[in-house]
Amino acid sequence: MQRVWARALYIEIKRSQKIITRQDLDQLKDYCEFIKEKFQKETSDKMRYKIVKGYIIGKDLHSEAVIRADNMRNNDMFFLSHKQALEQAKKYHQDFIDAHEQLREKLECSSLQSPCSSEVAQHSQFDEQ
């Protein structure tokens, strides 16, 4: 019997002004361990959640929590500031829009069976030389 290793993701978003403490990081660790144990017991033999990633999002890390947060990275648990999370979301959104535009252009070109605008631009550069 083949086993499927799945991933679970736990994200805890705190208030925008919340400074993340060691206790908050300990709570994140407890939740991730609980999820991993729960899935190990209650999922079928064919599928197990081998990886549980946890994220906690807040304004900043308290100075006492910095070392703990660094150590937790080794166990797939991460701190993100609200600003970092927003920047990542913007980047992923732009990546999605770019991929969608490329696909749309490719589909339009293939349905028209004519050169795409990017192909026409490339050919016109060589024609001018």
Protein backbone atom coordinates (compact mmCIF):
# COMPACT_ATOMS: atom_id res chain seq x y z
CA MET A 1 0.00 0.00 0.00
CA GLN A 2 1.34 3.40 -1.01
CA ARG A 3 1.20 6.21 1.53
CA VAL A 4 0.46 9.77 0.58
CA TRP A 5 2.22 12.41 2.64
CA ALA A 6 0.15 15.55 2.80
CA ARG A 7 0.83 19.00 4.20
CA ALA A 8 -1.28 21.01 6.59
CA LEU A 9 -1.01 24.75 7.06
CA TYR A 10 -1.94 26.63 10.23
CA ILE A 11 -2.03 30.43 10.11
CA GLU A 12 -2.72 32.58 13.15
CA ILE A 13 -3.35 36.25 12.41
CA LYS A 14 -3.13 38.54 15.41
CA ARG A 15 -4.35 42.12 15.71
CA SER A 16 -2.40 44.61 13.59
CA GLN A 17 -0.71 46.20 16.65
CA LYS A 18 0.04 42.91 18.48
CA ILE A 19 3.69 42.36 19.43
CA ILE A 20 4.34 38.61 19.30
CA THR A 21 5.72 37.21 22.57
CA ARG A 22 7.37 33.92 23.51
CA GLN A 23 4.00 32.77 24.85
CA ASP A 24 2.41 33.42 21.45
CA LEU A 25 5.14 31.37 19.77
CA ASP A 26 4.65 28.56 22.31
CA GLN A 27 0.94 28.59 21.51
CA LEU A 28 1.71 28.32 17.79
CA LYS A 29 3.97 25.34 18.51
CA ASP A 30 1.27 23.68 20.64
CA TYR A 31 -1.36 24.14 17.92
CA CYS A 32 0.92 22.74 15.21
CA GLU A 33 1.78 19.72 17.35
CA PHE A 34 -1.91 19.17 18.15
CA ILE A 35 -2.82 19.26 14.45
CA LYS A 36 -0.05 16.82 13.56
CA GLU A 37 -1.03 14.38 16.33
CA LYS A 38 -4.74 14.65 15.52
CA PHE A 39 -4.21 13.94 11.84
CA GLN A 40 -1.86 11.06 12.59
CA LYS A 41 -4.54 9.39 14.69
CA GLU A 42 -7.64 10.14 12.64
CA THR A 43 -6.64 9.97 8.98
CA SER A 44 -6.58 6.76 7.00
CA ASP A 45 -3.49 4.63 6.63
CA LYS A 46 -3.22 5.81 3.04
CA MET A 47 -2.73 9.45 3.97
CA ARG A 48 -0.72 11.04 6.74
CA TYR A 49 0.08 14.67 7.35
CA LYS A 50 3.82 14.53 7.60
CA ILE A 51 4.40 18.26 7.43
CA VAL A 52 2.48 20.86 9.41
CA LYS A 53 3.60 24.41 8.72
CA GLY A 54 2.61 27.17 11.07
CA TYR A 55 2.62 30.92 10.63
CA ILE A 56 1.91 33.63 13.16
CA ILE A 57 1.33 37.14 11.89
CA GLY A 58 1.60 40.25 14.06
CA LYS A 59 3.11 43.70 14.15
CA ASP A 60 6.57 42.66 15.34
CA LEU A 61 8.45 40.20 17.54
CA HIS A 62 9.11 41.05 21.17
CA SER A 63 12.85 41.18 21.86
CA GLU A 64 12.57 38.09 24.10
CA ALA A 65 10.95 36.11 21.27
CA VAL A 66 13.50 36.63 18.50
CA ILE A 67 15.75 33.65 19.32
CA ARG A 68 12.76 31.34 19.84
CA ALA A 69 11.30 32.39 16.47
CA ASP A 70 14.62 31.67 14.76
CA ASN A 71 14.76 28.21 16.35
CA MET A 72 11.18 27.44 15.36
CA ARG A 73 12.04 27.89 11.67
CA ASN A 74 13.74 24.48 11.80
CA ASN A 75 10.33 22.98 12.64
CA ASP A 76 8.41 24.76 9.87
CA MET A 77 6.99 27.49 12.13
CA PHE A 78 7.42 31.10 11.08
CA PHE A 79 6.72 34.68 12.15
CA LEU A 80 5.60 37.24 9.58
CA SER A 81 4.88 40.87 10.20
CA HIS A 82 1.65 42.24 8.74
CA LYS A 83 3.80 44.27 6.34
CA GLN A 84 5.69 41.16 5.15
CA ALA A 85 2.44 39.25 4.69
CA LEU A 86 0.96 42.10 2.67
CA GLU A 87 4.04 42.37 0.45
CA GLN A 88 3.99 38.61 -0.20
CA ALA A 89 0.28 38.75 -1.04
CA LYS A 90 0.88 41.60 -3.50
CA LYS A 91 3.73 39.70 -5.16
CA TYR A 92 1.72 36.46 -5.45
CA HIS A 93 -1.23 38.41 -6.84
CA GLN A 94 0.97 40.08 -9.46
CA ASP A 95 2.53 36.71 -10.38
CA PHE A 96 -0.99 35.34 -10.87
CA ILE A 97 -2.01 38.28 -13.07
CA ASP A 98 1.17 37.94 -15.17
CA ALA A 99 0.65 34.19 -15.65
CA HIS A 100 -3.00 34.76 -16.55
CA GLU A 101 -2.07 37.39 -19.14
CA GLN A 102 0.56 35.12 -20.70
CA LEU A 103 -1.91 32.26 -20.90
CA ARG A 104 -4.63 34.50 -22.34
CA GLU A 105 -2.26 35.80 -25.00
CA LYS A 106 -1.09 32.29 -25.85
CA LEU A 107 -4.68 31.06 -26.18
CA GLU A 108 -5.68 34.03 -28.33
CA CYS A 109 -2.70 33.46 -30.63
CA SER A 110 -3.38 29.76 -31.00
CA SER A 111 -7.08 30.31 -31.71
CA LEU A 112 -6.31 32.96 -34.35
CA GLN A 113 -3.40 30.96 -35.79
CA SER A 114 -1.56 34.20 -36.35
CA PRO A 115 1.64 35.57 -34.83
CA CYS A 116 1.30 36.99 -31.35
CA SER A 117 2.16 40.60 -30.64
CA SER A 118 5.39 39.51 -28.95
CA GLU A 119 6.31 37.38 -31.99
CA VAL A 120 5.49 40.25 -34.37
CA ALA A 121 7.69 42.58 -32.31
CA GLN A 122 10.57 40.10 -32.46
CA HIS A 123 10.27 39.70 -36.24
CA SER A 124 10.03 43.44 -36.84
CA GLN A 125 13.29 43.97 -34.91
CA PHE A 126 15.09 41.59 -37.28
CA ASP A 127 13.45 43.15 -40.37
CA GLU A 128 14.81 46.58 -39.45
CA GLN A 129 18.42 45.31 -39.29
